[in-house]
């Protein structure tokens, strides 16, 4: 049974994943964050291989003003960490230096929630700066149009917060088929041997803050 750390703000998503065999650990409500982000897993935890970073590990204190809220919102892909360097918590940077993990600068502080990982060599994003850097580092990128993703409290959410993947499926929170770039997304996932799976299709595509896959014995708090 796989364990997912994720927001329980939308019970339908949690309930459906549990019916599919996942164990769900609800994310915390972090009042230091802006209200729409308070339960977002990708703001609270970062996984690099088998090392989990949580807010309690951070040297800096999270805050409501960007970039003080994106201490852990980094993208780990293909053995490299992508993020806004001056926003990443020093604990993470020190770990990467010690373990010889390259840290690649991007302009977007919301690097993780802006990017949906399809495979170790493929990703989807609406952010041009992330696209440029990933392509330069050997990742095939599908760039989609911004918007069309629900995130209550903001004009729109990000694709990385609206889904997650494994070796077989890319699972979306809500109805991805209503996205204007759905056919491109479908083709891109198929190209990389991933099936698209939608849960709670009656819901709009929703940025819930993504998920972090954890081990059952991982101390999350």
Protein backbone atom coordinates (compact mmCIF):
# COMPACT_ATOMS: atom_id res chain seq x y z
CA UNK A 1 0.00 0.00 0.00
CA UNK A 2 1.40 3.36 -1.02
CA UNK A 3 1.15 6.28 1.37
CA UNK A 4 0.32 9.75 0.06
CA UNK A 5 0.71 12.96 2.02
CA UNK A 6 -1.90 15.36 0.62
CA UNK A 7 -4.61 17.89 1.36
CA UNK A 8 -7.96 16.60 2.58
CA UNK A 9 -9.75 19.80 1.58
CA UNK A 10 -11.62 17.89 -1.13
CA UNK A 11 -12.91 14.65 0.46
CA UNK A 12 -13.84 13.10 -2.90
CA UNK A 13 -10.21 12.93 -3.97
CA UNK A 14 -9.05 11.33 -0.72
CA UNK A 15 -11.95 8.89 -0.63
CA UNK A 16 -11.40 7.77 -4.22
CA UNK A 17 -7.67 7.25 -3.73
CA UNK A 18 -8.30 5.22 -0.58
CA UNK A 19 -10.73 3.05 -2.54
CA UNK A 20 -7.92 2.54 -5.04
CA UNK A 21 -5.70 1.21 -2.26
CA UNK A 22 -3.73 4.26 -1.16
CA UNK A 23 -3.19 5.26 2.44
CA UNK A 24 -3.79 8.99 2.86
CA UNK A 25 -2.10 11.16 5.47
CA UNK A 26 -3.77 14.59 5.54
CA UNK A 27 -1.44 17.54 5.29
CA UNK A 28 -1.33 20.08 8.09
CA UNK A 29 -2.98 23.49 8.08
CA UNK A 30 -0.01 25.88 8.08
CA UNK A 31 -1.36 29.26 9.16
CA UNK A 32 1.93 30.96 8.27
CA UNK A 33 1.16 30.37 4.59
CA UNK A 34 -1.24 32.38 2.41
CA UNK A 35 -4.75 31.00 2.92
CA UNK A 36 -5.11 29.11 -0.42
CA UNK A 37 -1.80 27.29 0.21
CA UNK A 38 -2.21 26.32 3.84
CA UNK A 39 -2.86 22.63 3.21
CA UNK A 40 -0.70 22.17 0.13
CA UNK A 41 1.62 19.20 0.50
CA UNK A 42 4.15 20.58 -1.98
CA UNK A 43 4.60 23.61 0.31
CA UNK A 44 5.12 21.48 3.41
CA UNK A 45 7.35 18.63 2.30
CA UNK A 46 10.12 17.90 -0.17
CA UNK A 47 11.34 14.43 -1.03
CA UNK A 48 14.81 13.90 -2.47
CA UNK A 49 15.30 10.16 -3.01
CA UNK A 50 14.63 8.68 0.45
CA UNK A 51 15.20 11.92 2.37
CA UNK A 52 12.14 13.88 3.43
CA UNK A 53 12.35 17.55 4.34
CA UNK A 54 9.51 19.07 6.33
CA UNK A 55 9.02 22.58 7.62
CA UNK A 56 10.37 21.57 11.02
CA UNK A 57 13.71 20.84 9.32
CA UNK A 58 13.95 24.33 7.86
CA UNK A 59 16.36 26.91 9.23
CA UNK A 60 14.17 29.73 7.99
CA UNK A 61 10.61 30.39 9.06
CA UNK A 62 7.85 30.17 6.45
CA UNK A 63 5.82 33.28 5.78
CA UNK A 64 2.87 34.64 3.86
CA UNK A 65 4.93 36.83 1.54
CA UNK A 66 6.61 35.27 -1.50
CA UNK A 67 9.28 33.88 -1.54
CA UNK A 68 9.13 33.13 2.20
CA UNK A 69 6.39 30.60 1.49
CA UNK A 70 8.31 28.44 -1.00
CA UNK A 71 11.16 27.14 1.16
CA UNK A 72 10.50 23.55 0.08
CA UNK A 73 8.70 24.06 -3.22
CA UNK A 74 11.50 22.60 -5.32
CA UNK A 75 11.42 20.18 -8.23
CA UNK A 76 13.59 17.08 -7.88
CA UNK A 77 13.86 15.40 -11.25
CA UNK A 78 16.50 13.27 -12.91
CA UNK A 79 18.93 13.55 -10.00
CA UNK A 80 18.84 17.37 -10.04
CA UNK A 81 17.05 19.91 -7.89
CA UNK A 82 15.40 22.87 -9.59
CA UNK A 83 14.30 25.93 -7.67
CA UNK A 84 14.65 29.63 -6.96
CA UNK A 85 18.00 29.58 -5.19
CA UNK A 86 17.43 32.46 -2.77
CA UNK A 87 14.10 30.93 -1.75
CA UNK A 88 15.25 27.36 -1.04
CA UNK A 89 15.87 26.67 2.63
CA UNK A 90 19.60 26.32 3.48
CA UNK A 91 18.95 22.87 4.97
CA UNK A 92 18.03 21.60 1.52
CA UNK A 93 20.93 23.36 -0.19
CA UNK A 94 23.40 21.95 2.35
CA UNK A 95 22.04 18.45 1.83
CA UNK A 96 22.40 18.75 -1.95
CA UNK A 97 25.96 20.04 -1.64
CA UNK A 98 26.92 17.21 0.71
CA UNK A 99 25.39 14.57 -1.59
CA UNK A 100 26.67 16.16 -4.82
CA UNK A 101 23.18 16.83 -6.14
CA UNK A 102 23.24 19.65 -8.72
CA UNK A 103 20.99 22.60 -7.85
CA UNK A 104 19.70 24.29 -10.99
CA UNK A 105 18.34 27.84 -10.65
CA UNK A 106 14.95 28.76 -12.10
CA UNK A 107 13.07 32.04 -11.83
CA UNK A 108 9.86 30.40 -10.67
CA UNK A 109 9.75 29.94 -6.89
CA UNK A 110 6.78 27.58 -7.19
CA UNK A 111 8.95 25.14 -9.13
CA UNK A 112 7.30 21.94 -7.89
CA UNK A 113 3.67 22.92 -8.13
CA UNK A 114 4.28 24.49 -11.56
CA UNK A 115 5.54 21.20 -12.97
CA UNK A 116 3.86 17.85 -13.47
CA UNK A 117 6.41 15.05 -13.64
CA UNK A 118 5.52 12.50 -16.32
CA UNK A 119 8.77 10.54 -16.15
CA UNK A 120 12.39 11.12 -15.18
CA UNK A 121 12.86 12.68 -18.59
CA UNK A 122 9.51 14.32 -19.28
CA UNK A 123 7.39 17.01 -17.65
CA UNK A 124 4.43 19.33 -18.26
CA UNK A 125 4.37 23.00 -17.28
CA UNK A 126 2.85 26.34 -18.25
CA UNK A 127 5.95 28.22 -17.08
CA UNK A 128 8.34 29.31 -19.84
CA UNK A 129 11.30 29.74 -17.49
CA UNK A 130 10.95 26.20 -16.17
CA UNK A 131 10.52 24.86 -19.69
CA UNK A 132 13.72 26.55 -20.84
CA UNK A 133 15.83 25.22 -17.97
CA UNK A 134 14.44 21.68 -18.10
CA UNK A 135 15.00 21.39 -21.84
CA UNK A 136 18.56 22.62 -21.38
CA UNK A 137 19.04 19.78 -18.88
CA UNK A 138 17.75 17.05 -21.17
CA UNK A 139 14.08 16.91 -20.11
CA UNK A 140 11.36 16.82 -22.76
CA UNK A 141 8.73 19.40 -21.86
CA UNK A 142 5.16 19.95 -22.95
CA UNK A 143 4.31 23.57 -22.37
CA UNK A 144 0.61 24.21 -21.90
CA UNK A 145 -1.42 27.37 -21.63
CA UNK A 146 -1.72 28.89 -18.15
CA UNK A 147 -4.99 28.85 -16.24
CA UNK A 148 -7.98 26.47 -16.51
CA UNK A 149 -7.09 24.91 -13.13
CA UNK A 150 -9.09 25.71 -10.01
CA UNK A 151 -7.34 27.05 -6.93
CA UNK A 152 -9.76 28.79 -4.61
CA UNK A 153 -8.48 32.19 -3.53
CA UNK A 154 -6.30 32.67 -6.63
CA UNK A 155 -7.13 33.30 -10.28
CA UNK A 156 -5.92 29.82 -11.17
CA UNK A 157 -3.72 26.97 -10.01
CA UNK A 158 -0.77 25.01 -11.40
CA UNK A 159 -0.62 21.71 -13.25
CA UNK A 160 1.88 20.14 -10.82
CA UNK A 161 -0.53 20.64 -7.96
CA UNK A 162 -3.38 19.09 -9.95
CA UNK A 163 -1.96 15.63 -10.47
CA UNK A 164 0.74 13.06 -9.78
CA UNK A 165 2.31 10.17 -11.62
CA UNK A 166 3.77 6.72 -11.30
CA UNK A 167 5.23 4.20 -13.73
CA UNK A 168 1.84 3.54 -15.33
CA UNK A 169 -0.57 6.41 -14.73
CA UNK A 170 -0.77 10.17 -14.50
CA UNK A 171 -3.63 10.80 -12.08
CA UNK A 172 -5.47 14.12 -12.25
CA UNK A 173 -7.62 15.70 -9.56
CA UNK A 174 -10.77 16.49 -11.48
CA UNK A 175 -11.64 16.56 -15.15
CA UNK A 176 -8.52 17.18 -17.22
CA UNK A 177 -10.49 16.64 -20.44
CA UNK A 178 -11.94 20.14 -20.07
CA UNK A 179 -8.49 21.70 -20.32
CA UNK A 180 -7.95 23.36 -23.73
CA UNK A 181 -4.67 21.47 -24.15
CA UNK A 182 -6.11 18.11 -23.17
CA UNK A 183 -5.37 16.43 -26.51
CA UNK A 184 -1.73 17.57 -26.32
CA UNK A 185 -1.50 16.35 -22.74
CA UNK A 186 -3.05 13.01 -23.69
CA UNK A 187 -0.63 12.56 -26.60
CA UNK A 188 2.38 13.56 -24.49
CA UNK A 189 1.52 11.11 -21.72
CA UNK A 190 0.90 8.36 -24.26
CA UNK A 191 4.27 9.10 -25.88
CA UNK A 192 5.91 8.48 -22.52
CA UNK A 193 3.88 5.33 -21.86
CA UNK A 194 1.61 6.79 -19.20
CA UNK A 195 -2.16 6.41 -19.13
CA UNK A 196 -4.28 9.33 -17.98
CA UNK A 197 -6.54 8.67 -15.02
CA UNK A 198 -9.08 11.19 -13.70
CA UNK A 199 -10.62 10.96 -10.25
CA UNK A 200 -13.86 12.70 -9.33
CA UNK A 201 -14.50 13.66 -12.95
CA UNK A 202 -17.50 15.76 -11.96
CA UNK A 203 -15.06 18.18 -10.32
CA UNK A 204 -13.09 20.78 -12.28
CA UNK A 205 -9.36 20.18 -12.62
CA UNK A 206 -8.13 21.33 -9.20
CA UNK A 207 -4.77 22.32 -7.75
CA UNK A 208 -4.79 20.64 -4.33
CA UNK A 209 -1.06 21.13 -3.76
CA UNK A 210 -0.04 17.83 -5.27
CA UNK A 211 0.98 14.78 -3.28
CA UNK A 212 4.18 13.54 -1.69
CA UNK A 213 4.63 9.79 -1.73
CA UNK A 214 5.91 8.71 1.67
CA UNK A 215 7.00 5.53 3.36
CA UNK A 216 4.69 4.16 6.03
CA UNK A 217 7.41 4.57 8.63
CA UNK A 218 8.29 8.14 7.63
CA UNK A 219 7.93 10.67 10.41
CA UNK A 220 6.06 13.44 8.63
CA UNK A 221 5.54 15.95 11.42
